[in-house]
Amino acid sequence: MGFTDIDVAAFTEALASPAPVPGGGGTSALIGALGIALGDMVGELTTGKKKYADVEEDIQALMAKAQMIRKQFLLLIDGDAEAFEPLAKAYGIPKDDPDRDRIMEGALDVACAVPMDIMRTCCEALDVVEEFAAKGSKLAISDAGCGAVALKSALQAASLNVFINTKAMKDRAKAEALEKEAEEMLSVYTRKADEIYAVVIGRIRG
């Protein structure tokens, strides 16, 4: 049974335990799933309304994207747990083992891959939520803002799981390439999330 198959109480209990998974990566993916689900909620509250007939086609397309992204986030929750397992084992290899560095490097590479995918998915999700905030029902705009805030949090949290692993990599060229991509996503999309929030709070408070 994966972490997506247990209830919220069980997930938080597992998260609070000393077990290595779920951890920050899986939590990032879960927060991302919640964020894009809020965007999809805006779509559900907009579609079929006469007032928004002129954006109906756009909203339907956004909802389809949001549902695909949510499924991807859910896959990444368990994907992160699976990716961390080899790294947890690698840390247990004696330091005088001649194969330790090679095994550790491979495990670090695997452990970086999922949080990088979580970050990329957060960016894709923020693009969708931005459109929901612009085109969706005014009655649900706060949900778009909440979604943007959640996705920003997920993006930043996932980046920490990238940086802690790249720091330990021996292959500095690969590490720096991953760090550069992560930094670029943070630069562009934390700003975008803040802009969505500013638009939403401006429309709410007038």
Protein backbone atom coordinates (compact mmCIF):
# COMPACT_ATOMS: atom_id res chain seq x y z
CA MET A 1 0.00 0.00 0.00
CA GLY A 2 1.34 3.43 -0.94
CA PHE A 3 1.07 6.68 0.96
CA THR A 4 -1.68 7.87 -1.38
CA ASP A 5 -3.84 4.96 -0.21
CA ILE A 6 -3.92 5.95 3.47
CA ASP A 7 -6.07 8.59 5.12
CA VAL A 8 -4.89 12.03 6.17
CA ALA A 9 -4.55 11.08 9.84
CA ALA A 10 -2.41 8.04 8.98
CA PHE A 11 -0.23 10.08 6.62
CA THR A 12 0.47 12.72 9.25
CA GLU A 13 1.16 10.01 11.82
CA ALA A 14 3.68 8.40 9.47
CA LEU A 15 5.19 11.80 8.73
CA ALA A 16 5.67 12.53 12.43
CA SER A 17 7.36 9.17 13.04
CA PRO A 18 11.13 8.46 12.89
CA ALA A 19 10.64 6.51 9.64
CA PRO A 20 12.62 8.05 6.74
CA VAL A 21 9.53 8.22 4.53
CA PRO A 22 7.29 10.00 3.98
CA GLY A 23 9.42 13.10 4.33
CA GLY A 24 9.82 16.52 2.81
CA GLY A 25 9.63 15.34 -0.78
CA GLY A 26 6.40 13.41 -0.40
CA THR A 27 4.92 16.24 1.62
CA SER A 28 5.86 18.71 -1.12
CA ALA A 29 4.06 16.58 -3.67
CA LEU A 30 0.99 16.30 -1.44
CA ILE A 31 0.88 20.08 -0.93
CA GLY A 32 1.21 20.50 -4.70
CA ALA A 33 -1.72 18.14 -5.26
CA LEU A 34 -3.82 20.16 -2.83
CA GLY A 35 -2.81 23.39 -4.53
CA ILE A 36 -3.80 22.30 -8.02
CA ALA A 37 -6.99 20.70 -6.65
CA LEU A 38 -7.98 24.16 -5.40
CA GLY A 39 -7.44 25.48 -8.91
CA ASP A 40 -9.63 22.73 -10.29
CA MET A 41 -12.28 23.67 -7.72
CA VAL A 42 -12.36 27.17 -9.23
CA GLY A 43 -12.99 25.55 -12.60
CA GLU A 44 -15.82 23.42 -11.22
CA LEU A 45 -17.45 26.52 -9.76
CA THR A 46 -17.08 28.42 -13.04
CA THR A 47 -17.99 25.93 -15.73
CA GLY A 48 -21.61 25.90 -16.87
CA LYS A 49 -22.30 29.40 -15.54
CA LYS A 50 -23.88 31.78 -18.05
CA LYS A 51 -21.84 34.66 -16.69
CA TYR A 52 -18.66 32.88 -17.74
CA ALA A 53 -19.87 31.41 -21.03
CA ASP A 54 -17.22 33.31 -22.98
CA VAL A 55 -14.42 31.47 -21.10
CA GLU A 56 -16.16 28.10 -20.84
CA GLU A 57 -13.87 26.43 -23.37
CA ASP A 58 -10.76 27.80 -21.65
CA ILE A 59 -11.98 26.67 -18.23
CA GLN A 60 -12.72 23.16 -19.49
CA ALA A 61 -9.21 22.93 -20.93
CA LEU A 62 -7.70 24.20 -17.68
CA MET A 63 -9.66 21.66 -15.66
CA ALA A 64 -8.36 18.84 -17.85
CA LYS A 65 -4.79 20.07 -17.28
CA ALA A 66 -5.36 20.44 -13.56
CA GLN A 67 -6.64 16.89 -13.23
CA MET A 68 -3.60 15.52 -15.06
CA ILE A 69 -1.25 17.55 -12.87
CA ARG A 70 -2.98 16.38 -9.69
CA LYS A 71 -2.50 12.75 -10.76
CA GLN A 72 1.17 13.45 -11.43
CA PHE A 73 1.64 14.93 -7.95
CA LEU A 74 0.03 11.88 -6.39
CA LEU A 75 2.40 9.59 -8.26
CA LEU A 76 5.31 11.67 -7.02
CA ILE A 77 4.31 11.16 -3.36
CA ASP A 78 5.10 7.47 -3.57
CA GLY A 79 7.82 8.10 -6.14
CA ASP A 80 9.75 10.15 -3.62
CA ALA A 81 9.56 7.40 -1.02
CA GLU A 82 10.81 4.85 -3.55
CA ALA A 83 13.63 7.14 -4.68
CA PHE A 84 14.84 7.79 -1.14
CA GLU A 85 15.16 4.12 -0.21
CA PRO A 86 18.47 3.51 -2.08
CA LEU A 87 19.95 6.66 -0.49
CA ALA A 88 18.94 5.57 3.00
CA LYS A 89 20.68 2.24 2.37
CA ALA A 90 23.75 3.95 0.91
CA TYR A 91 24.24 6.00 4.06
CA GLY A 92 24.46 2.72 5.96
CA ILE A 93 27.42 1.45 3.90
CA PRO A 94 30.69 1.53 5.89
CA LYS A 95 32.90 4.47 4.89
CA ASP A 96 35.83 2.15 4.15
CA ASP A 97 33.80 0.17 1.58
CA PRO A 98 35.45 0.82 -1.82
CA ASP A 99 32.05 0.83 -3.54
CA ARG A 100 30.46 3.34 -1.17
CA ASP A 101 31.16 6.49 -3.20
CA ARG A 102 29.88 4.95 -6.44
CA ILE A 103 26.70 3.64 -4.80
CA MET A 104 26.16 6.90 -2.93
CA GLU A 105 26.52 8.96 -6.09
CA GLY A 106 23.95 6.88 -7.92
CA ALA A 107 21.56 7.06 -4.97
CA LEU A 108 21.94 10.84 -4.73
CA ASP A 109 21.15 11.14 -8.42
CA VAL A 110 17.96 9.10 -7.98
CA ALA A 111 17.00 11.02 -4.83
CA CYS A 112 17.32 14.35 -6.68
CA ALA A 113 15.19 13.29 -9.63
CA VAL A 114 11.80 13.20 -7.88
CA PRO A 115 12.00 16.57 -6.08
CA MET A 116 13.14 18.09 -9.37
CA ASP A 117 10.03 16.61 -10.98
CA ILE A 118 7.93 17.97 -8.12
CA MET A 119 9.38 21.43 -8.78
CA ARG A 120 8.68 21.20 -12.50
CA THR A 121 5.13 20.05 -11.79
CA CYS A 122 4.63 22.97 -9.38
CA CYS A 123 5.65 25.36 -12.15
CA GLU A 124 3.20 23.78 -14.57
CA ALA A 125 0.49 23.94 -11.91
CA LEU A 126 1.14 27.63 -11.18
CA ASP A 127 0.69 28.45 -14.86
CA VAL A 128 -2.73 26.79 -14.70
CA VAL A 129 -3.74 28.43 -11.41
CA GLU A 130 -2.75 31.82 -12.82
CA GLU A 131 -5.34 31.34 -15.55
CA PHE A 132 -7.97 30.12 -13.11
CA ALA A 133 -7.41 33.27 -11.07
CA ALA A 134 -7.80 35.45 -14.16
CA LYS A 135 -10.77 33.70 -15.77
CA GLY A 136 -12.56 31.84 -12.99
CA SER A 137 -15.59 32.76 -10.95
CA LYS A 138 -15.09 35.77 -8.70
CA LEU A 139 -16.87 33.86 -5.96
CA ALA A 140 -14.05 31.29 -5.95
CA ILE A 141 -11.06 33.53 -6.56
CA SER A 142 -9.83 33.05 -2.98
CA ASP A 143 -9.41 29.35 -3.78
CA ALA A 144 -7.14 30.24 -6.69
CA GLY A 145 -5.09 32.39 -4.33
CA CYS A 146 -4.90 29.58 -1.78
CA GLY A 147 -3.79 27.23 -4.56
CA ALA A 148 -0.99 29.60 -5.59
CA VAL A 149 0.23 29.92 -2.00
CA ALA A 150 0.22 26.13 -1.56
CA LEU A 151 2.10 25.58 -4.81
CA LYS A 152 4.72 28.17 -3.90
CA SER A 153 5.24 26.35 -0.61
CA ALA A 154 5.50 23.00 -2.40
CA LEU A 155 8.01 24.45 -4.88
CA GLN A 156 10.24 25.86 -2.16
CA ALA A 157 9.99 22.73 -0.02
CA ALA A 158 10.91 20.47 -2.94
CA SER A 159 13.92 22.67 -3.70
CA LEU A 160 15.32 21.95 -0.24
CA ASN A 161 15.27 18.25 -1.07
CA VAL A 162 17.19 18.98 -4.25
CA PHE A 163 19.82 21.18 -2.63
CA ILE A 164 20.54 18.87 0.32
CA ASN A 165 21.32 16.07 -2.15
CA THR A 166 23.29 18.08 -4.70
CA LYS A 167 25.48 19.35 -1.86
CA ALA A 168 26.68 15.78 -1.26
CA MET A 169 27.30 14.93 -4.93
CA LYS A 170 30.87 14.31 -6.09
CA ASP A 171 29.94 15.10 -9.70
CA ARG A 172 29.90 18.86 -9.31
CA ALA A 173 28.99 19.52 -12.96
CA LYS A 174 25.79 17.52 -12.60
CA ALA A 175 25.07 19.04 -9.19
CA GLU A 176 25.51 22.58 -10.49
CA ALA A 177 23.28 21.90 -13.50
CA LEU A 178 20.50 20.66 -11.21
CA GLU A 179 20.99 23.60 -8.86
CA LYS A 180 20.85 26.08 -11.72
CA GLU A 181 17.57 24.64 -13.01
CA ALA A 182 16.10 24.62 -9.49
CA GLU A 183 17.21 28.21 -8.87
CA GLU A 184 15.66 29.36 -12.15
CA MET A 185 12.34 27.72 -11.27
CA LEU A 186 12.40 29.35 -7.85
CA SER A 187 13.20 32.74 -9.32
CA VAL A 188 10.42 32.70 -11.91
CA TYR A 189 7.68 30.82 -10.11
CA THR A 190 7.89 32.14 -6.56
CA ARG A 191 7.46 35.54 -8.18
CA LYS A 192 4.53 34.27 -10.24
CA ALA A 193 2.88 32.82 -7.12
CA ASP A 194 3.30 36.15 -5.35
CA GLU A 195 1.78 37.95 -8.32
CA ILE A 196 -1.24 35.62 -8.32
CA TYR A 197 -1.69 36.22 -4.61
CA ALA A 198 -1.45 39.99 -5.11
CA VAL A 199 -4.09 39.91 -7.85
CA VAL A 200 -6.40 37.78 -5.73
CA ILE A 201 -6.05 39.82 -2.54
CA GLY A 202 -6.50 42.98 -4.58
CA ARG A 203 -9.77 41.71 -6.06
CA ILE A 204 -11.01 40.48 -2.67
CA ARG A 205 -10.18 43.60 -0.69
CA GLY A 206 -10.71 46.04 -3.55
